[in-house]
């Protein structure tokens, strides 16, 4: 269960990759803290479902359909969110996830560019749309999403590892640049998280083998990432910026 952060009550939070999985759970958790949430993704039906569940639990949420690799679409999502909810206080740039294994000798130039766009350029475009307002207002929290594959070599494809390593550096650079203006920028780097999608695709025997690779002897669950996101967004983390937190069950410790 996530902690309670009263200072998040009334904040405006935008979550990309919010239609399902970690993003959807994160949006719901912020709403449960009293934040007003906008979920962003490409699947309008799935986003509607997230918004309906949040509303059913007494929260406040809206949605914006956008491809976050498209700068104009991200900018429109910002305008829509601000018109409905107000300026964004917390940005969770969680869209991505193109890590299916592909041997590098079989990785095409087209696929390389697609993965970098999906997992790195999308973060840049999202942050670029919202950072000026945060800087102008003198405060805000940005949380980016990397991966254990960006922290050490893995079975994921090379482009995914490189893109996620880039998100870590993007985070560190922005934290240094925006810190004097009151904006904190931190990163989450999950390892093997058992979302609805991975559970459906991964046989139990495979899940057991992956769990055994982690010192805590289990796979992660979305709530593990959600708890870290709430903390980083809250005043409890007001002295923290430029960090990458490895939500990885001890598998990544550097």
Protein backbone atom coordinates (compact mmCIF):
# COMPACT_ATOMS: atom_id res chain seq x y z
CA UNK A 1 0.00 0.00 0.00
CA UNK A 2 1.27 3.48 -0.90
CA UNK A 3 1.89 6.10 1.76
CA UNK A 4 -0.24 9.16 2.36
CA UNK A 5 1.01 12.53 1.10
CA UNK A 6 -1.40 15.34 2.04
CA UNK A 7 0.64 17.88 0.08
CA UNK A 8 -0.41 16.15 -3.18
CA UNK A 9 -4.04 17.04 -2.52
CA UNK A 10 -5.19 19.54 -5.15
CA UNK A 11 -2.09 19.16 -7.32
CA UNK A 12 -2.47 18.77 -11.07
CA UNK A 13 -0.73 15.63 -12.33
CA UNK A 14 -0.25 14.47 -15.92
CA UNK A 15 0.76 10.87 -16.63
CA UNK A 16 1.85 9.71 -20.08
CA UNK A 17 1.54 6.03 -20.86
CA UNK A 18 -1.54 6.27 -18.68
CA UNK A 19 -3.91 3.92 -20.50
CA UNK A 20 -2.80 0.74 -18.73
CA UNK A 21 -0.17 -0.90 -16.54
CA UNK A 22 2.12 1.22 -14.40
CA UNK A 23 0.86 4.48 -15.87
CA UNK A 24 -2.80 3.73 -15.14
CA UNK A 25 -2.02 2.59 -11.59
CA UNK A 26 0.07 5.70 -11.02
CA UNK A 27 -2.73 7.98 -12.20
CA UNK A 28 -5.20 6.25 -9.89
CA UNK A 29 -2.83 6.52 -6.95
CA UNK A 30 -2.33 10.25 -7.43
CA UNK A 31 -6.09 10.72 -7.69
CA UNK A 32 -6.51 8.80 -4.45
CA UNK A 33 -4.21 11.37 -2.83
CA UNK A 34 -6.59 14.12 -3.93
CA UNK A 35 -4.69 15.19 -7.04
CA UNK A 36 -6.48 16.14 -10.26
CA UNK A 37 -5.12 13.85 -12.95
CA UNK A 38 -4.88 13.79 -16.73
CA UNK A 39 -3.97 10.47 -18.32
CA UNK A 40 -2.36 10.57 -21.76
CA UNK A 41 -2.07 7.78 -24.30
CA UNK A 42 -3.07 6.66 -27.77
CA UNK A 43 -5.92 4.30 -26.85
CA UNK A 44 -9.01 6.44 -26.24
CA UNK A 45 -11.14 3.52 -25.03
CA UNK A 46 -8.53 2.40 -22.51
CA UNK A 47 -8.06 5.96 -21.28
CA UNK A 48 -11.82 6.33 -20.82
CA UNK A 49 -11.76 3.20 -18.69
CA UNK A 50 -9.01 4.63 -16.47
CA UNK A 51 -10.89 7.90 -16.05
CA UNK A 52 -14.14 6.07 -15.23
CA UNK A 53 -12.44 3.92 -12.59
CA UNK A 54 -10.85 6.97 -10.96
CA UNK A 55 -14.18 8.81 -10.97
CA UNK A 56 -15.90 5.75 -9.54
CA UNK A 57 -13.47 5.84 -6.63
CA UNK A 58 -14.26 9.51 -6.01
CA UNK A 59 -11.25 10.98 -7.81
CA UNK A 60 -10.92 13.70 -10.41
CA UNK A 61 -9.51 12.76 -13.81
CA UNK A 62 -9.62 13.57 -17.48
CA UNK A 63 -7.79 12.22 -20.49
CA UNK A 64 -5.96 13.42 -23.58
CA UNK A 65 -5.43 11.18 -26.59
CA UNK A 66 -1.94 11.85 -27.93
CA UNK A 67 1.06 10.15 -29.49
CA UNK A 68 3.90 11.49 -27.36
CA UNK A 69 6.39 11.10 -30.19
CA UNK A 70 4.48 13.92 -31.93
CA UNK A 71 5.44 17.35 -30.57
CA UNK A 72 2.22 19.00 -31.74
CA UNK A 73 0.10 16.31 -30.09
CA UNK A 74 1.97 16.72 -26.80
CA UNK A 75 1.50 20.47 -26.93
CA UNK A 76 -2.22 20.03 -27.54
CA UNK A 77 -2.42 17.65 -24.56
CA UNK A 78 -0.79 20.35 -22.43
CA UNK A 79 -3.26 22.98 -23.55
CA UNK A 80 -6.20 20.64 -22.97
CA UNK A 81 -5.01 19.70 -19.49
CA UNK A 82 -4.41 23.29 -18.44
CA UNK A 83 -7.79 24.42 -19.71
CA UNK A 84 -9.60 21.69 -17.77
CA UNK A 85 -7.49 21.26 -14.63
CA UNK A 86 -4.98 24.10 -14.46
CA UNK A 87 -1.17 24.24 -14.72
CA UNK A 88 0.59 20.93 -14.24
CA UNK A 89 2.47 20.53 -10.95
CA UNK A 90 3.65 16.95 -11.43
CA UNK A 91 4.66 15.41 -14.75
CA UNK A 92 5.07 11.64 -14.92
CA UNK A 93 6.60 10.87 -18.33
CA UNK A 94 6.00 7.12 -18.32
CA UNK A 95 5.25 6.31 -21.97
CA UNK A 96 7.56 3.82 -23.68
CA UNK A 97 8.34 0.15 -23.48
CA UNK A 98 9.78 -1.21 -26.73
CA UNK A 99 12.16 -3.72 -25.16
CA UNK A 100 11.37 -6.98 -26.94
CA UNK A 101 14.63 -8.87 -27.60
CA UNK A 102 16.16 -8.49 -31.06
CA UNK A 103 19.76 -9.50 -31.84
CA UNK A 104 21.71 -6.40 -32.82
CA UNK A 105 22.68 -7.93 -36.16
CA UNK A 106 18.94 -8.11 -36.94
CA UNK A 107 18.06 -4.66 -35.60
CA UNK A 108 17.11 -2.52 -38.57
CA UNK A 109 17.73 1.20 -38.82
CA UNK A 110 13.99 1.76 -38.94
CA UNK A 111 13.41 -0.19 -35.73
CA UNK A 112 16.32 1.57 -34.03
CA UNK A 113 14.76 4.95 -34.78
CA UNK A 114 11.28 3.77 -33.71
CA UNK A 115 12.53 2.61 -30.32
CA UNK A 116 14.55 5.76 -29.67
CA UNK A 117 11.54 7.86 -30.60
CA UNK A 118 9.23 5.82 -28.37
CA UNK A 119 11.45 5.63 -25.30
CA UNK A 120 13.71 8.71 -25.41
CA UNK A 121 12.47 11.37 -27.83
CA UNK A 122 8.99 11.06 -26.33
CA UNK A 123 10.37 11.98 -22.90
CA UNK A 124 12.21 14.99 -24.32
CA UNK A 125 9.11 16.23 -26.16
CA UNK A 126 6.91 15.76 -23.10
CA UNK A 127 9.28 17.52 -20.74
CA UNK A 128 9.88 20.31 -23.24
CA UNK A 129 6.15 21.02 -23.38
CA UNK A 130 5.66 21.29 -19.61
CA UNK A 131 9.00 22.50 -18.25
CA UNK A 132 8.65 26.17 -19.32
CA UNK A 133 5.47 26.56 -17.26
CA UNK A 134 7.07 24.95 -14.22
CA UNK A 135 10.12 27.17 -14.53
CA UNK A 136 7.92 30.26 -14.90
CA UNK A 137 5.92 29.32 -11.80
CA UNK A 138 9.06 28.47 -9.85
CA UNK A 139 8.24 24.88 -8.98
CA UNK A 140 7.24 21.44 -10.11
CA UNK A 141 8.21 17.79 -10.08
CA UNK A 142 9.12 15.78 -13.16
CA UNK A 143 9.40 12.00 -12.93
CA UNK A 144 10.81 10.14 -15.90
CA UNK A 145 10.70 6.41 -16.57
CA UNK A 146 13.80 4.44 -17.51
CA UNK A 147 14.38 0.71 -17.06
CA UNK A 148 16.85 -1.73 -15.58
CA UNK A 149 17.84 -2.26 -19.23
CA UNK A 150 19.14 1.30 -19.24
CA UNK A 151 21.22 0.64 -16.14
CA UNK A 152 23.02 -2.54 -17.17
CA UNK A 153 23.12 -4.85 -20.22
CA UNK A 154 20.06 -7.06 -20.55
CA UNK A 155 18.19 -9.28 -22.98
CA UNK A 156 16.23 -6.29 -24.27
CA UNK A 157 17.17 -4.95 -27.68
CA UNK A 158 20.13 -2.58 -27.94
CA UNK A 159 18.03 0.43 -28.95
CA UNK A 160 15.86 0.03 -25.84
CA UNK A 161 18.88 -0.13 -23.56
CA UNK A 162 20.46 2.92 -25.17
CA UNK A 163 17.20 4.91 -25.09
CA UNK A 164 16.64 4.19 -21.42
CA UNK A 165 20.22 5.01 -20.53
CA UNK A 166 19.57 8.29 -22.34
CA UNK A 167 16.55 8.93 -20.11
CA UNK A 168 18.82 8.66 -17.07
CA UNK A 169 21.20 11.28 -18.46
CA UNK A 170 18.30 13.47 -19.59
CA UNK A 171 17.06 13.38 -16.00
CA UNK A 172 20.43 14.30 -14.50
CA UNK A 173 20.97 17.13 -16.98
CA UNK A 174 17.51 18.61 -16.47
CA UNK A 175 17.81 18.36 -12.70
CA UNK A 176 20.97 20.48 -12.81
CA UNK A 177 19.47 22.93 -15.29
CA UNK A 178 16.03 23.35 -13.71
CA UNK A 179 16.93 22.97 -10.04
CA UNK A 180 17.76 26.66 -9.50
CA UNK A 181 14.24 27.47 -10.74
CA UNK A 182 12.60 25.19 -8.19
CA UNK A 183 11.88 22.23 -10.48
CA UNK A 184 12.91 18.76 -9.34
CA UNK A 185 13.58 16.00 -11.90
CA UNK A 186 13.98 12.37 -10.89
CA UNK A 187 13.84 9.01 -12.63
CA UNK A 188 12.44 5.55 -11.89
CA UNK A 189 14.12 2.50 -13.39
CA UNK A 190 12.00 -0.62 -12.82
CA UNK A 191 13.19 -4.14 -13.41
CA UNK A 192 10.74 -6.98 -14.08
CA UNK A 193 7.26 -5.63 -13.24
CA UNK A 194 4.31 -8.00 -13.38
CA UNK A 195 1.68 -5.94 -15.17
CA UNK A 196 -1.49 -7.34 -16.71
CA UNK A 197 0.29 -7.57 -20.07
CA UNK A 198 3.38 -9.40 -18.83
CA UNK A 199 1.29 -11.75 -16.72
CA UNK A 200 -0.81 -12.69 -19.74
CA UNK A 201 2.21 -13.26 -21.97
CA UNK A 202 4.62 -14.89 -19.52
CA UNK A 203 4.16 -18.52 -18.38
CA UNK A 204 4.37 -19.14 -14.64
CA UNK A 205 7.62 -21.08 -15.02
CA UNK A 206 9.27 -18.13 -16.75
CA UNK A 207 8.03 -15.75 -14.06
CA UNK A 208 9.59 -18.00 -11.42
CA UNK A 209 12.95 -17.96 -13.20
CA UNK A 210 12.89 -14.17 -13.49
CA UNK A 211 11.92 -13.79 -9.85
CA UNK A 212 14.91 -15.94 -8.86
CA UNK A 213 17.28 -13.46 -10.54
CA UNK A 214 16.33 -10.81 -7.97
CA UNK A 215 17.72 -10.84 -4.42
CA UNK A 216 14.21 -10.24 -3.07
CA UNK A 217 13.10 -13.40 -4.88
CA UNK A 218 10.03 -11.99 -6.59
CA UNK A 219 9.01 -9.95 -9.59
CA UNK A 220 7.91 -6.40 -9.00
CA UNK A 221 4.31 -5.24 -9.12
CA UNK A 222 3.02 -1.87 -10.34
CA UNK A 223 2.45 -0.72 -6.77
CA UNK A 224 6.20 -0.89 -6.15
CA UNK A 225 6.73 1.74 -8.84
CA UNK A 226 3.67 3.74 -7.82
CA UNK A 227 4.89 4.09 -4.23
CA UNK A 228 8.21 5.50 -5.44
CA UNK A 229 6.46 7.91 -7.82
CA UNK A 230 4.21 9.31 -5.08
CA UNK A 231 7.18 9.82 -2.80
CA UNK A 232 9.25 11.60 -5.46
CA UNK A 233 6.36 13.91 -6.33
CA UNK A 234 5.68 14.82 -2.71
CA UNK A 235 7.26 17.33 -0.37
CA UNK A 236 8.84 14.38 1.44
CA UNK A 237 11.33 14.32 -1.45
CA UNK A 238 11.83 18.10 -1.59
CA UNK A 239 15.62 17.74 -1.18
CA UNK A 240 15.93 15.07 -3.88
CA UNK A 241 16.63 15.75 -7.54
CA UNK A 242 18.70 14.17 -10.29
CA UNK A 243 18.24 10.70 -8.82
CA UNK A 244 17.50 7.44 -10.57
CA UNK A 245 15.77 5.02 -8.22
CA UNK A 246 16.20 1.40 -9.23
CA UNK A 247 12.87 -0.24 -8.45
CA UNK A 248 14.51 -3.55 -9.12
CA UNK A 249 14.33 -5.86 -6.12
CA UNK A 250 18.08 -5.54 -5.56
CA UNK A 251 19.03 -6.72 -9.06
CA UNK A 252 20.42 -3.26 -9.89
CA UNK A 253 22.29 -1.45 -7.12
CA UNK A 254 24.63 1.00 -8.86
